């Protein structure tokens, strides 16, 4: 499968101009760290900075709730601090889920661009 994909890539690069071939190379698959770096580029990078800041805030609140949970002896306060800790962990989980969905969205957009480039190169070849 890998050699077939490499043959298709070579065929596509042969039909592209030098500028289009450079763009096609930039659309190659990324590893996880490159995808994480891609979150902080573009028009919406400010929202990712905000989400990471809020993740740190909620994690700090979770640590505070955990410390208070172990310092109290009253059952009602134990319940309150544990619910607060659970809510903070849910918030952190949701914010991380948002980041992973953004990474997936960026990967899908990159693949769509690759397909558009392949279709345009095949259309110009015919």
C-alpha atoms as a PDB file:
ATOM      1  CA  UNK A   1       0.000   0.000   0.000  1.00  0.00           C
ATOM      2  CA  UNK A   2       2.843   2.358   0.833  1.00  0.00           C
ATOM      3  CA  UNK A   3       4.544   1.909  -2.549  1.00  0.00           C
ATOM      4  CA  UNK A   4       1.246   2.449  -4.371  1.00  0.00           C
ATOM      5  CA  UNK A   5       0.722   5.679  -2.425  1.00  0.00           C
ATOM      6  CA  UNK A   6       4.290   6.770  -3.182  1.00  0.00           C
ATOM      7  CA  UNK A   7       3.701   6.095  -6.881  1.00  0.00           C
ATOM      8  CA  UNK A   8       0.556   8.225  -6.825  1.00  0.00           C
ATOM      9  CA  UNK A   9       2.419  11.013  -5.002  1.00  0.00           C
ATOM     10  CA  UNK A  10       5.225  10.882  -7.572  1.00  0.00           C
ATOM     11  CA  UNK A  11       2.727  10.995 -10.440  1.00  0.00           C
ATOM     12  CA  UNK A  12       0.981  13.988  -8.907  1.00  0.00           C
ATOM     13  CA  UNK A  13       4.254  15.841  -8.270  1.00  0.00           C
ATOM     14  CA  UNK A  14       5.297  15.272 -11.884  1.00  0.00           C
ATOM     15  CA  UNK A  15       2.169  17.016 -13.148  1.00  0.00           C
ATOM     16  CA  UNK A  16       2.428  19.974 -10.752  1.00  0.00           C
ATOM     17  CA  UNK A  17       4.397  23.161 -11.175  1.00  0.00           C
ATOM     18  CA  UNK A  18       7.246  23.788  -8.764  1.00  0.00           C
ATOM     19  CA  UNK A  19       5.117  26.137  -6.673  1.00  0.00           C
ATOM     20  CA  UNK A  20       2.237  23.656  -6.471  1.00  0.00           C
ATOM     21  CA  UNK A  21       4.637  20.813  -5.607  1.00  0.00           C
ATOM     22  CA  UNK A  22       6.001  22.829  -2.679  1.00  0.00           C
ATOM     23  CA  UNK A  23       2.447  23.423  -1.441  1.00  0.00           C
ATOM     24  CA  UNK A  24       1.685  19.698  -1.842  1.00  0.00           C
ATOM     25  CA  UNK A  25       4.727  18.797   0.285  1.00  0.00           C
ATOM     26  CA  UNK A  26       3.516  21.114   3.064  1.00  0.00           C
ATOM     27  CA  UNK A  27       0.242  19.149   3.196  1.00  0.00           C
ATOM     28  CA  UNK A  28       2.006  15.932   4.236  1.00  0.00           C
ATOM     29  CA  UNK A  29       0.920  14.104   7.395  1.00  0.00           C
ATOM     30  CA  UNK A  30       1.982  15.630  10.702  1.00  0.00           C
ATOM     31  CA  UNK A  31       2.958  14.024  13.963  1.00  0.00           C
ATOM     32  CA  UNK A  32       1.184  14.922  17.215  1.00  0.00           C
ATOM     33  CA  UNK A  33       3.614  17.699  18.163  1.00  0.00           C
ATOM     34  CA  UNK A  34       3.259  19.366  14.755  1.00  0.00           C
ATOM     35  CA  UNK A  35      -0.521  19.144  15.107  1.00  0.00           C
ATOM     36  CA  UNK A  36      -0.327  20.754  18.553  1.00  0.00           C
ATOM     37  CA  UNK A  37       1.816  23.530  17.111  1.00  0.00           C
ATOM     38  CA  UNK A  38      -0.729  23.989  14.339  1.00  0.00           C
ATOM     39  CA  UNK A  39      -3.370  24.856  16.917  1.00  0.00           C
ATOM     40  CA  UNK A  40      -1.510  28.064  17.743  1.00  0.00           C
ATOM     41  CA  UNK A  41      -1.366  29.300  14.146  1.00  0.00           C
ATOM     42  CA  UNK A  42      -3.994  31.036  12.097  1.00  0.00           C
ATOM     43  CA  UNK A  43      -6.850  33.369  12.886  1.00  0.00           C
ATOM     44  CA  UNK A  44      -8.147  31.520  15.943  1.00  0.00           C
ATOM     45  CA  UNK A  45      -4.910  31.094  17.873  1.00  0.00           C
ATOM     46  CA  UNK A  46      -6.160  33.526  20.526  1.00  0.00           C
ATOM     47  CA  UNK A  47      -8.935  31.117  21.464  1.00  0.00           C
ATOM     48  CA  UNK A  48      -6.422  28.299  21.945  1.00  0.00           C
ATOM     49  CA  UNK A  49      -4.363  30.505  24.265  1.00  0.00           C
ATOM     50  CA  UNK A  50      -7.556  31.313  26.168  1.00  0.00           C
ATOM     51  CA  UNK A  51      -8.545  27.638  26.357  1.00  0.00           C
ATOM     52  CA  UNK A  52      -5.121  26.623  27.670  1.00  0.00           C
ATOM     53  CA  UNK A  53      -5.236  29.405  30.254  1.00  0.00           C
ATOM     54  CA  UNK A  54      -8.685  28.245  31.373  1.00  0.00           C
ATOM     55  CA  UNK A  55      -7.421  24.663  31.535  1.00  0.00           C
ATOM     56  CA  UNK A  56      -4.704  25.772  33.935  1.00  0.00           C
ATOM     57  CA  UNK A  57      -7.240  27.728  36.003  1.00  0.00           C
ATOM     58  CA  UNK A  58      -9.602  24.762  36.291  1.00  0.00           C
ATOM     59  CA  UNK A  59      -6.733  22.410  37.109  1.00  0.00           C
ATOM     60  CA  UNK A  60      -5.571  24.806  39.833  1.00  0.00           C
ATOM     61  CA  UNK A  61      -9.110  24.908  41.218  1.00  0.00           C
ATOM     62  CA  UNK A  62      -9.173  21.105  41.149  1.00  0.00           C
ATOM     63  CA  UNK A  63      -5.967  20.989  43.208  1.00  0.00           C
ATOM     64  CA  UNK A  64      -7.477  23.509  45.658  1.00  0.00           C
ATOM     65  CA  UNK A  65     -10.693  21.444  45.960  1.00  0.00           C
ATOM     66  CA  UNK A  66      -8.665  18.293  46.533  1.00  0.00           C
ATOM     67  CA  UNK A  67      -6.622  19.906  49.320  1.00  0.00           C
ATOM     68  CA  UNK A  68      -9.782  21.265  50.951  1.00  0.00           C
ATOM     69  CA  UNK A  69     -11.438  17.859  50.602  1.00  0.00           C
ATOM     70  CA  UNK A  70      -8.688  16.160  52.592  1.00  0.00           C
ATOM     71  CA  UNK A  71      -8.550  18.946  55.199  1.00  0.00           C
ATOM     72  CA  UNK A  72     -12.193  18.850  56.208  1.00  0.00           C
ATOM     73  CA  UNK A  73     -13.970  16.424  58.527  1.00  0.00           C
ATOM     74  CA  UNK A  74     -17.570  17.542  57.963  1.00  0.00           C
ATOM     75  CA  UNK A  75     -19.544  15.277  55.616  1.00  0.00           C
ATOM     76  CA  UNK A  76     -21.444  18.112  53.943  1.00  0.00           C
ATOM     77  CA  UNK A  77     -18.181  19.914  53.171  1.00  0.00           C
ATOM     78  CA  UNK A  78     -16.659  16.672  51.862  1.00  0.00           C
ATOM     79  CA  UNK A  79     -19.533  16.418  49.395  1.00  0.00           C
ATOM     80  CA  UNK A  80     -19.214  20.069  48.346  1.00  0.00           C
ATOM     81  CA  UNK A  81     -15.449  19.876  47.757  1.00  0.00           C
ATOM     82  CA  UNK A  82     -15.722  16.562  45.898  1.00  0.00           C
ATOM     83  CA  UNK A  83     -18.448  17.929  43.613  1.00  0.00           C
ATOM     84  CA  UNK A  84     -16.310  21.015  43.004  1.00  0.00           C
ATOM     85  CA  UNK A  85     -13.335  18.794  42.115  1.00  0.00           C
ATOM     86  CA  UNK A  86     -15.426  16.689  39.758  1.00  0.00           C
ATOM     87  CA  UNK A  87     -16.771  19.802  38.011  1.00  0.00           C
ATOM     88  CA  UNK A  88     -13.219  21.119  37.583  1.00  0.00           C
ATOM     89  CA  UNK A  89     -12.058  17.805  36.111  1.00  0.00           C
ATOM     90  CA  UNK A  90     -15.021  17.795  33.726  1.00  0.00           C
ATOM     91  CA  UNK A  91     -14.132  21.326  32.621  1.00  0.00           C
ATOM     92  CA  UNK A  92     -10.505  20.313  31.988  1.00  0.00           C
ATOM     93  CA  UNK A  93     -11.691  17.266  30.036  1.00  0.00           C
ATOM     94  CA  UNK A  94     -14.028  19.342  27.876  1.00  0.00           C
ATOM     95  CA  UNK A  95     -11.324  21.899  27.114  1.00  0.00           C
ATOM     96  CA  UNK A  96      -8.904  19.134  26.122  1.00  0.00           C
ATOM     97  CA  UNK A  97     -11.609  17.566  23.960  1.00  0.00           C
ATOM     98  CA  UNK A  98     -12.036  20.914  22.201  1.00  0.00           C
ATOM     99  CA  UNK A  99      -8.290  21.001  21.418  1.00  0.00           C
ATOM    100  CA  UNK A 100      -8.297  17.444  20.044  1.00  0.00           C
ATOM    101  CA  UNK A 101     -11.321  18.222  17.876  1.00  0.00           C
ATOM    102  CA  UNK A 102      -9.517  21.272  16.492  1.00  0.00           C
ATOM    103  CA  UNK A 103      -6.504  19.095  15.660  1.00  0.00           C
ATOM    104  CA  UNK A 104      -8.792  16.632  13.880  1.00  0.00           C
ATOM    105  CA  UNK A 105     -10.463  19.467  11.980  1.00  0.00           C
ATOM    106  CA  UNK A 106      -7.075  20.765  10.821  1.00  0.00           C
ATOM    107  CA  UNK A 107      -6.075  17.278   9.635  1.00  0.00           C
ATOM    108  CA  UNK A 108      -9.317  16.906   7.674  1.00  0.00           C
ATOM    109  CA  UNK A 109      -8.872  20.330   6.064  1.00  0.00           C
ATOM    110  CA  UNK A 110      -5.318  19.366   5.079  1.00  0.00           C
ATOM    111  CA  UNK A 111      -6.560  16.146   3.461  1.00  0.00           C
ATOM    112  CA  UNK A 112      -9.304  18.006   1.589  1.00  0.00           C
ATOM    113  CA  UNK A 113      -6.677  20.398   0.228  1.00  0.00           C
ATOM    114  CA  UNK A 114      -4.610  17.417  -0.909  1.00  0.00           C
ATOM    115  CA  UNK A 115      -7.624  15.970  -2.688  1.00  0.00           C
ATOM    116  CA  UNK A 116      -8.397  19.303  -4.349  1.00  0.00           C
ATOM    117  CA  UNK A 117      -4.814  19.509  -5.553  1.00  0.00           C
ATOM    118  CA  UNK A 118      -4.947  15.956  -6.879  1.00  0.00           C
ATOM    119  CA  UNK A 119      -8.201  16.610  -8.727  1.00  0.00           C
ATOM    120  CA  UNK A 120      -6.893  19.827 -10.245  1.00  0.00           C
ATOM    121  CA  UNK A 121      -3.666  18.137 -11.361  1.00  0.00           C
ATOM    122  CA  UNK A 122      -5.618  15.255 -12.933  1.00  0.00           C
ATOM    123  CA  UNK A 123      -8.012  17.703 -14.611  1.00  0.00           C
ATOM    124  CA  UNK A 124      -5.126  19.684 -16.111  1.00  0.00           C
ATOM    125  CA  UNK A 125      -3.509  16.447 -17.285  1.00  0.00           C
ATOM    126  CA  UNK A 126      -6.605  15.423 -19.259  1.00  0.00           C
END
